[in-house]
Amino acid sequence: EGKAELSIRISAMTALAKMDDRTVEPLIVTALGKSDRVSDLQVNELIEALGALNATNQISAIRAAVFREQSYVGPMLRQTSVSVLAKFGTDEAWAVITEICADKNGLRRGDALTALRKIPGPRSLAIAAEALDSPSQLVREAAWWTVKELDPKSFDSIGGGYSDENAKKLREALQQLAEEGVVQVFTPHDGSGAIVGVVGALQLDVLATRLDAEYGLQTRY
């Protein structure tokens, strides 16, 4: 079977899956196993088809497709896999999501964490919160924006009204405190104010106290 014929078969299988034709499920799994002949886009379509069939017994096949031995597996595939597994909602599915979101490669892990932004709930929040401690800045930023999307009430603003001199002092203070591990500082790409990450209200109180005592900066939040 050539790649052109395989492509036609995959399109037909995904169409039938969307019509809830469960007879194509084993054919989809077989196609997923042909990792050397199936593109990322086609694997993505096949995983979406398993999602349409609510094929919760094929979680291992989805996991194998995500972790297949290829030099590059694109973000769309990881994000689709996370979304489909979350739709399944079983403990086994969430175990695989956790594994995908713990990838040692920072770029791949960031892509998976980004997918969690559209999946509200305590499990998504817990996975993202754990990633805030990653040594990779890319992962920490992805995790932080995911936490912010899932639980916006956990974010407070530290008051402004600073002069230019004090604003500079605040930036230097936050940088120093971040280096000490007291807080994490994220700089949005849109040029808006820095986002300070803390764990719990008590740590926010510690931050405010140290800004006041060590840098002479009064804050409100």
C-alpha atoms as a PDB file:
ATOM      1  CA  GLU A   1       0.000   0.000   0.000  1.00  0.00           C
ATOM      2  CA  GLY A   2       1.493   3.328  -1.099  1.00  0.00           C
ATOM      3  CA  LYS A   3       1.375   6.588   0.820  1.00  0.00           C
ATOM      4  CA  ALA A   4      -1.323   7.984  -1.482  1.00  0.00           C
ATOM      5  CA  GLU A   5      -3.582   4.988  -0.876  1.00  0.00           C
ATOM      6  CA  LEU A   6      -2.888   5.159   2.866  1.00  0.00           C
ATOM      7  CA  SER A   7      -3.805   8.846   2.898  1.00  0.00           C
ATOM      8  CA  ILE A   8      -7.139   8.092   1.199  1.00  0.00           C
ATOM      9  CA  ARG A   9      -7.856   5.317   3.691  1.00  0.00           C
ATOM     10  CA  ILE A  10      -7.086   7.586   6.642  1.00  0.00           C
ATOM     11  CA  SER A  11      -9.441  10.269   5.309  1.00  0.00           C
ATOM     12  CA  ALA A  12     -12.170   7.656   4.887  1.00  0.00           C
ATOM     13  CA  MET A  13     -11.606   6.238   8.382  1.00  0.00           C
ATOM     14  CA  THR A  14     -11.747   9.637  10.061  1.00  0.00           C
ATOM     15  CA  ALA A  15     -14.950  10.498   8.180  1.00  0.00           C
ATOM     16  CA  LEU A  16     -16.574   7.227   9.282  1.00  0.00           C
ATOM     17  CA  ALA A  17     -15.434   7.758  12.860  1.00  0.00           C
ATOM     18  CA  LYS A  18     -17.184  11.125  12.912  1.00  0.00           C
ATOM     19  CA  MET A  19     -20.323   9.231  11.871  1.00  0.00           C
ATOM     20  CA  ASP A  20     -19.805   6.973  14.931  1.00  0.00           C
ATOM     21  CA  ASP A  21     -18.954   3.928  12.813  1.00  0.00           C
ATOM     22  CA  ARG A  22     -17.072   1.846  15.392  1.00  0.00           C
ATOM     23  CA  THR A  23     -15.988  -0.750  12.853  1.00  0.00           C
ATOM     24  CA  VAL A  24     -13.129   1.529  11.826  1.00  0.00           C
ATOM     25  CA  GLU A  25     -11.576   1.649  15.314  1.00  0.00           C
ATOM     26  CA  PRO A  26      -9.159  -1.290  14.796  1.00  0.00           C
ATOM     27  CA  LEU A  27      -8.220   0.086  11.381  1.00  0.00           C
ATOM     28  CA  ILE A  28      -7.383   3.441  12.951  1.00  0.00           C
ATOM     29  CA  VAL A  29      -5.163   1.766  15.551  1.00  0.00           C
ATOM     30  CA  THR A  30      -3.396  -0.198  12.809  1.00  0.00           C
ATOM     31  CA  ALA A  31      -2.762   3.000  10.866  1.00  0.00           C
ATOM     32  CA  LEU A  32      -1.373   4.689  13.990  1.00  0.00           C
ATOM     33  CA  GLY A  33       1.143   1.874  14.255  1.00  0.00           C
ATOM     34  CA  LYS A  34       2.623   2.715  10.861  1.00  0.00           C
ATOM     35  CA  SER A  35       4.740   5.536  12.288  1.00  0.00           C
ATOM     36  CA  ASP A  36       7.296   5.378   9.485  1.00  0.00           C
ATOM     37  CA  ARG A  37       4.655   6.047   6.840  1.00  0.00           C
ATOM     38  CA  VAL A  38       2.152   8.332   8.562  1.00  0.00           C
ATOM     39  CA  SER A  39       2.698  12.096   8.868  1.00  0.00           C
ATOM     40  CA  ASP A  40       2.059  14.163  11.981  1.00  0.00           C
ATOM     41  CA  LEU A  41      -1.033  15.635  10.346  1.00  0.00           C
ATOM     42  CA  GLN A  42      -2.420  12.176   9.604  1.00  0.00           C
ATOM     43  CA  VAL A  43      -1.664  10.932  13.126  1.00  0.00           C
ATOM     44  CA  ASN A  44      -3.462  14.011  14.419  1.00  0.00           C
ATOM     45  CA  GLU A  45      -6.513  13.128  12.322  1.00  0.00           C
ATOM     46  CA  LEU A  46      -6.451   9.536  13.554  1.00  0.00           C
ATOM     47  CA  ILE A  47      -6.292  10.591  17.203  1.00  0.00           C
ATOM     48  CA  GLU A  48      -9.180  12.992  16.652  1.00  0.00           C
ATOM     49  CA  ALA A  49     -11.080  10.060  15.138  1.00  0.00           C
ATOM     50  CA  LEU A  50     -10.474   7.971  18.275  1.00  0.00           C
ATOM     51  CA  GLY A  51     -11.768  10.918  20.262  1.00  0.00           C
ATOM     52  CA  ALA A  52     -14.914  11.057  18.136  1.00  0.00           C
ATOM     53  CA  LEU A  53     -15.449   7.364  18.860  1.00  0.00           C
ATOM     54  CA  ASN A  54     -14.743   7.906  22.571  1.00  0.00           C
ATOM     55  CA  ALA A  55     -12.342   4.972  22.260  1.00  0.00           C
ATOM     56  CA  THR A  56     -11.171   4.950  25.878  1.00  0.00           C
ATOM     57  CA  ASN A  57      -9.669   1.491  25.380  1.00  0.00           C
ATOM     58  CA  GLN A  58      -7.116   2.941  22.926  1.00  0.00           C
ATOM     59  CA  ILE A  59      -5.264   5.215  25.342  1.00  0.00           C
ATOM     60  CA  SER A  60      -2.075   3.183  24.966  1.00  0.00           C
ATOM     61  CA  ALA A  61      -2.245   3.600  21.183  1.00  0.00           C
ATOM     62  CA  ILE A  62      -2.496   7.383  21.582  1.00  0.00           C
ATOM     63  CA  ARG A  63       0.432   7.389  23.986  1.00  0.00           C
ATOM     64  CA  ALA A  64       2.545   5.358  21.559  1.00  0.00           C
ATOM     65  CA  ALA A  65       1.718   7.796  18.760  1.00  0.00           C
ATOM     66  CA  VAL A  66       2.816  10.804  20.836  1.00  0.00           C
ATOM     67  CA  PHE A  67       6.060   9.212  21.981  1.00  0.00           C
ATOM     68  CA  ARG A  68       6.944   7.546  18.685  1.00  0.00           C
ATOM     69  CA  GLU A  69      10.597   7.652  17.755  1.00  0.00           C
ATOM     70  CA  GLN A  70      10.765  10.544  15.348  1.00  0.00           C
ATOM     71  CA  SER A  71      13.063  13.539  15.286  1.00  0.00           C
ATOM     72  CA  TYR A  72      10.103  15.926  15.381  1.00  0.00           C
ATOM     73  CA  VAL A  73       6.564  15.606  16.634  1.00  0.00           C
ATOM     74  CA  GLY A  74       4.698  18.866  16.137  1.00  0.00           C
ATOM     75  CA  PRO A  75       2.743  20.830  18.733  1.00  0.00           C
ATOM     76  CA  MET A  76      -0.638  20.145  17.110  1.00  0.00           C
ATOM     77  CA  LEU A  77      -0.260  16.408  17.726  1.00  0.00           C
ATOM     78  CA  ARG A  78       0.575  16.826  21.407  1.00  0.00           C
ATOM     79  CA  GLN A  79      -2.194  19.344  21.940  1.00  0.00           C
ATOM     80  CA  THR A  80      -4.769  17.181  20.167  1.00  0.00           C
ATOM     81  CA  SER A  81      -3.683  14.151  22.190  1.00  0.00           C
ATOM     82  CA  VAL A  82      -4.019  16.050  25.466  1.00  0.00           C
ATOM     83  CA  SER A  83      -7.486  17.301  24.460  1.00  0.00           C
ATOM     84  CA  VAL A  84      -8.725  13.860  23.424  1.00  0.00           C
ATOM     85  CA  LEU A  85      -7.340  12.160  26.536  1.00  0.00           C
ATOM     86  CA  ALA A  86      -8.948  14.820  28.745  1.00  0.00           C
ATOM     87  CA  LYS A  87     -12.242  14.153  26.969  1.00  0.00           C
ATOM     88  CA  PHE A  88     -11.871  10.467  27.909  1.00  0.00           C
ATOM     89  CA  GLY A  89     -11.416  11.623  31.504  1.00  0.00           C
ATOM     90  CA  THR A  90     -10.242   8.321  32.991  1.00  0.00           C
ATOM     91  CA  ASP A  91      -7.394   7.990  35.479  1.00  0.00           C
ATOM     92  CA  GLU A  92      -5.370   6.177  32.807  1.00  0.00           C
ATOM     93  CA  ALA A  93      -5.934   9.024  30.363  1.00  0.00           C
ATOM     94  CA  TRP A  94      -4.850  11.630  32.901  1.00  0.00           C
ATOM     95  CA  ALA A  95      -1.754   9.589  33.714  1.00  0.00           C
ATOM     96  CA  VAL A  96      -0.724   9.851  30.060  1.00  0.00           C
ATOM     97  CA  ILE A  97      -1.529  13.587  30.009  1.00  0.00           C
ATOM     98  CA  THR A  98       0.723  14.011  33.042  1.00  0.00           C
ATOM     99  CA  GLU A  99       3.466  12.110  31.242  1.00  0.00           C
ATOM    100  CA  ILE A 100       3.119  14.222  28.094  1.00  0.00           C
ATOM    101  CA  CYS A 101       3.226  17.401  30.185  1.00  0.00           C
ATOM    102  CA  ALA A 102       6.424  16.231  31.899  1.00  0.00           C
ATOM    103  CA  ASP A 103       8.439  15.793  28.686  1.00  0.00           C
ATOM    104  CA  LYS A 104      12.141  16.481  29.229  1.00  0.00           C
ATOM    105  CA  ASN A 105      12.175  18.617  26.102  1.00  0.00           C
ATOM    106  CA  GLY A 106      11.100  22.124  27.144  1.00  0.00           C
ATOM    107  CA  LEU A 107       9.497  22.993  23.798  1.00  0.00           C
ATOM    108  CA  ARG A 108       7.391  19.839  23.716  1.00  0.00           C
ATOM    109  CA  ARG A 109       6.416  20.251  27.369  1.00  0.00           C
ATOM    110  CA  GLY A 110       5.412  23.861  26.775  1.00  0.00           C
ATOM    111  CA  ASP A 111       3.176  22.836  23.865  1.00  0.00           C
ATOM    112  CA  ALA A 112       1.410  20.257  26.023  1.00  0.00           C
ATOM    113  CA  LEU A 113       0.922  22.689  28.906  1.00  0.00           C
ATOM    114  CA  THR A 114      -0.585  25.186  26.477  1.00  0.00           C
ATOM    115  CA  ALA A 115      -3.247  22.622  25.575  1.00  0.00           C
ATOM    116  CA  LEU A 116      -4.355  22.510  29.220  1.00  0.00           C
ATOM    117  CA  ARG A 117      -5.570  26.117  29.005  1.00  0.00           C
ATOM    118  CA  LYS A 118      -8.705  24.856  27.274  1.00  0.00           C
ATOM    119  CA  ILE A 119      -9.280  22.078  29.821  1.00  0.00           C
ATOM    120  CA  PRO A 120     -10.523  23.613  33.085  1.00  0.00           C
ATOM    121  CA  GLY A 121     -10.422  21.611  36.273  1.00  0.00           C
ATOM    122  CA  PRO A 122      -8.225  20.728  39.242  1.00  0.00           C
ATOM    123  CA  ARG A 123      -6.182  18.127  37.370  1.00  0.00           C
ATOM    124  CA  SER A 124      -5.093  20.557  34.670  1.00  0.00           C
ATOM    125  CA  LEU A 125      -4.333  23.180  37.283  1.00  0.00           C
ATOM    126  CA  ALA A 126      -2.244  20.755  39.355  1.00  0.00           C
ATOM    127  CA  ILE A 127      -0.147  19.700  36.346  1.00  0.00           C
ATOM    128  CA  ALA A 128       0.464  23.312  35.326  1.00  0.00           C
ATOM    129  CA  ALA A 129       1.278  24.404  38.880  1.00  0.00           C
ATOM    130  CA  GLU A 130       3.884  21.654  39.218  1.00  0.00           C
ATOM    131  CA  ALA A 131       5.578  22.867  36.033  1.00  0.00           C
ATOM    132  CA  LEU A 132       6.111  26.311  37.584  1.00  0.00           C
ATOM    133  CA  ASP A 133       9.216  24.870  39.275  1.00  0.00           C
ATOM    134  CA  SER A 134      10.781  23.751  35.993  1.00  0.00           C
ATOM    135  CA  PRO A 135      14.368  24.924  35.340  1.00  0.00           C
ATOM    136  CA  SER A 136      13.273  25.819  31.800  1.00  0.00           C
ATOM    137  CA  GLN A 137      12.032  29.385  31.418  1.00  0.00           C
ATOM    138  CA  LEU A 138       9.961  28.349  28.413  1.00  0.00           C
ATOM    139  CA  VAL A 139       8.169  25.715  30.476  1.00  0.00           C
ATOM    140  CA  ARG A 140       7.656  28.060  33.432  1.00  0.00           C
ATOM    141  CA  GLU A 141       6.103  30.709  31.183  1.00  0.00           C
ATOM    142  CA  ALA A 142       3.793  28.185  29.517  1.00  0.00           C
ATOM    143  CA  ALA A 143       2.788  26.858  32.924  1.00  0.00           C
ATOM    144  CA  TRP A 144       2.222  30.328  34.319  1.00  0.00           C
ATOM    145  CA  TRP A 145      -0.067  31.432  31.505  1.00  0.00           C
ATOM    146  CA  THR A 146      -1.947  28.152  31.834  1.00  0.00           C
ATOM    147  CA  VAL A 147      -2.452  28.681  35.570  1.00  0.00           C
ATOM    148  CA  LYS A 148      -3.588  32.229  34.906  1.00  0.00           C
ATOM    149  CA  GLU A 149      -6.110  31.016  32.335  1.00  0.00           C
ATOM    150  CA  LEU A 150      -7.434  28.250  34.569  1.00  0.00           C
ATOM    151  CA  ASP A 151      -7.479  30.132  37.868  1.00  0.00           C
ATOM    152  CA  PRO A 152      -7.428  33.897  37.285  1.00  0.00           C
ATOM    153  CA  LYS A 153      -8.512  34.565  40.875  1.00  0.00           C
ATOM    154  CA  SER A 154      -5.116  33.324  42.064  1.00  0.00           C
ATOM    155  CA  PHE A 155      -3.537  36.400  40.506  1.00  0.00           C
ATOM    156  CA  ASP A 156      -3.247  39.671  42.358  1.00  0.00           C
ATOM    157  CA  SER A 157      -1.747  42.927  41.193  1.00  0.00           C
ATOM    158  CA  ILE A 158       0.991  44.705  43.080  1.00  0.00           C
ATOM    159  CA  GLY A 159       0.043  48.354  43.024  1.00  0.00           C
ATOM    160  CA  GLY A 160       1.694  50.877  40.770  1.00  0.00           C
ATOM    161  CA  GLY A 161       1.926  54.618  41.070  1.00  0.00           C
ATOM    162  CA  TYR A 162       5.725  54.474  41.204  1.00  0.00           C
ATOM    163  CA  SER A 163       8.012  57.217  39.970  1.00  0.00           C
ATOM    164  CA  ASP A 164      10.430  56.258  37.205  1.00  0.00           C
ATOM    165  CA  GLU A 165      13.165  55.895  39.808  1.00  0.00           C
ATOM    166  CA  ASN A 166      11.108  53.600  42.015  1.00  0.00           C
ATOM    167  CA  ALA A 167       9.850  51.637  39.009  1.00  0.00           C
ATOM    168  CA  LYS A 168      13.465  50.900  38.128  1.00  0.00           C
ATOM    169  CA  LYS A 169      14.149  49.968  41.743  1.00  0.00           C
ATOM    170  CA  LEU A 170      11.162  47.611  41.693  1.00  0.00           C
ATOM    171  CA  ARG A 171      12.429  45.846  38.576  1.00  0.00           C
ATOM    172  CA  GLU A 172      15.855  45.403  40.179  1.00  0.00           C
ATOM    173  CA  ALA A 173      14.296  44.181  43.426  1.00  0.00           C
ATOM    174  CA  LEU A 174      12.113  41.626  41.675  1.00  0.00           C
ATOM    175  CA  GLN A 175      15.060  40.391  39.659  1.00  0.00           C
ATOM    176  CA  GLN A 176      17.088  39.934  42.835  1.00  0.00           C
ATOM    177  CA  LEU A 177      14.246  38.163  44.638  1.00  0.00           C
ATOM    178  CA  ALA A 178      13.707  35.925  41.625  1.00  0.00           C
ATOM    179  CA  GLU A 179      17.379  34.940  41.656  1.00  0.00           C
ATOM    180  CA  GLU A 180      16.996  34.029  45.328  1.00  0.00           C
ATOM    181  CA  GLY A 181      13.995  31.870  44.500  1.00  0.00           C
ATOM    182  CA  VAL A 182      11.558  33.961  46.538  1.00  0.00           C
ATOM    183  CA  VAL A 183       9.378  34.666  43.495  1.00  0.00           C
ATOM    184  CA  GLN A 184       9.225  33.963  39.790  1.00  0.00           C
ATOM    185  CA  VAL A 185       9.025  36.844  37.361  1.00  0.00           C
ATOM    186  CA  PHE A 186       7.444  36.571  33.908  1.00  0.00           C
ATOM    187  CA  THR A 187       7.676  39.296  31.297  1.00  0.00           C
ATOM    188  CA  PRO A 188       4.716  39.363  28.854  1.00  0.00           C
ATOM    189  CA  HIS A 189       5.557  39.666  25.179  1.00  0.00           C
ATOM    190  CA  ASP A 190       3.021  42.472  24.735  1.00  0.00           C
ATOM    191  CA  GLY A 191       5.132  44.879  26.796  1.00  0.00           C
ATOM    192  CA  SER A 192       2.724  45.054  29.730  1.00  0.00           C
ATOM    193  CA  GLY A 193       3.903  44.941  33.336  1.00  0.00           C
ATOM    194  CA  ALA A 194       5.844  42.007  34.721  1.00  0.00           C
ATOM    195  CA  ILE A 195       3.913  39.164  36.321  1.00  0.00           C
ATOM    196  CA  VAL A 196       5.169  37.964  39.683  1.00  0.00           C
ATOM    197  CA  GLY A 197       4.560  34.345  40.598  1.00  0.00           C
ATOM    198  CA  VAL A 198       4.248  33.227  44.209  1.00  0.00           C
ATOM    199  CA  VAL A 199       2.861  30.128  45.895  1.00  0.00           C
ATOM    200  CA  GLY A 200       0.046  31.189  48.183  1.00  0.00           C
ATOM    201  CA  ALA A 201      -0.922  34.441  49.879  1.00  0.00           C
ATOM    202  CA  LEU A 202       1.724  34.056  52.605  1.00  0.00           C
ATOM    203  CA  GLN A 203       4.536  34.266  50.061  1.00  0.00           C
ATOM    204  CA  LEU A 204       2.920  37.393  48.643  1.00  0.00           C
ATOM    205  CA  ASP A 205       3.005  38.900  52.141  1.00  0.00           C
ATOM    206  CA  VAL A 206       6.710  37.987  52.390  1.00  0.00           C
ATOM    207  CA  LEU A 207       7.337  39.703  49.069  1.00  0.00           C
ATOM    208  CA  ALA A 208       5.567  42.878  50.154  1.00  0.00           C
ATOM    209  CA  THR A 209       7.434  42.920  53.481  1.00  0.00           C
ATOM    210  CA  ARG A 210      10.836  42.523  51.860  1.00  0.00           C
ATOM    211  CA  LEU A 211      10.108  45.167  49.211  1.00  0.00           C
ATOM    212  CA  ASP A 212       9.233  47.566  52.014  1.00  0.00           C
ATOM    213  CA  ALA A 213      12.047  46.693  54.428  1.00  0.00           C
ATOM    214  CA  GLU A 214      14.915  46.201  51.978  1.00  0.00           C
ATOM    215  CA  TYR A 215      14.032  48.487  49.085  1.00  0.00           C
ATOM    216  CA  GLY A 216      11.716  51.088  50.605  1.00  0.00           C
ATOM    217  CA  LEU A 217       8.934  50.218  48.211  1.00  0.00           C
ATOM    218  CA  GLN A 218       5.354  50.332  49.462  1.00  0.00           C
ATOM    219  CA  THR A 219       3.042  47.927  47.652  1.00  0.00           C
ATOM    220  CA  ARG A 220      -0.629  47.126  47.595  1.00  0.00           C
ATOM    221  CA  TYR A 221      -2.334  44.051  46.211  1.00  0.00           C
END
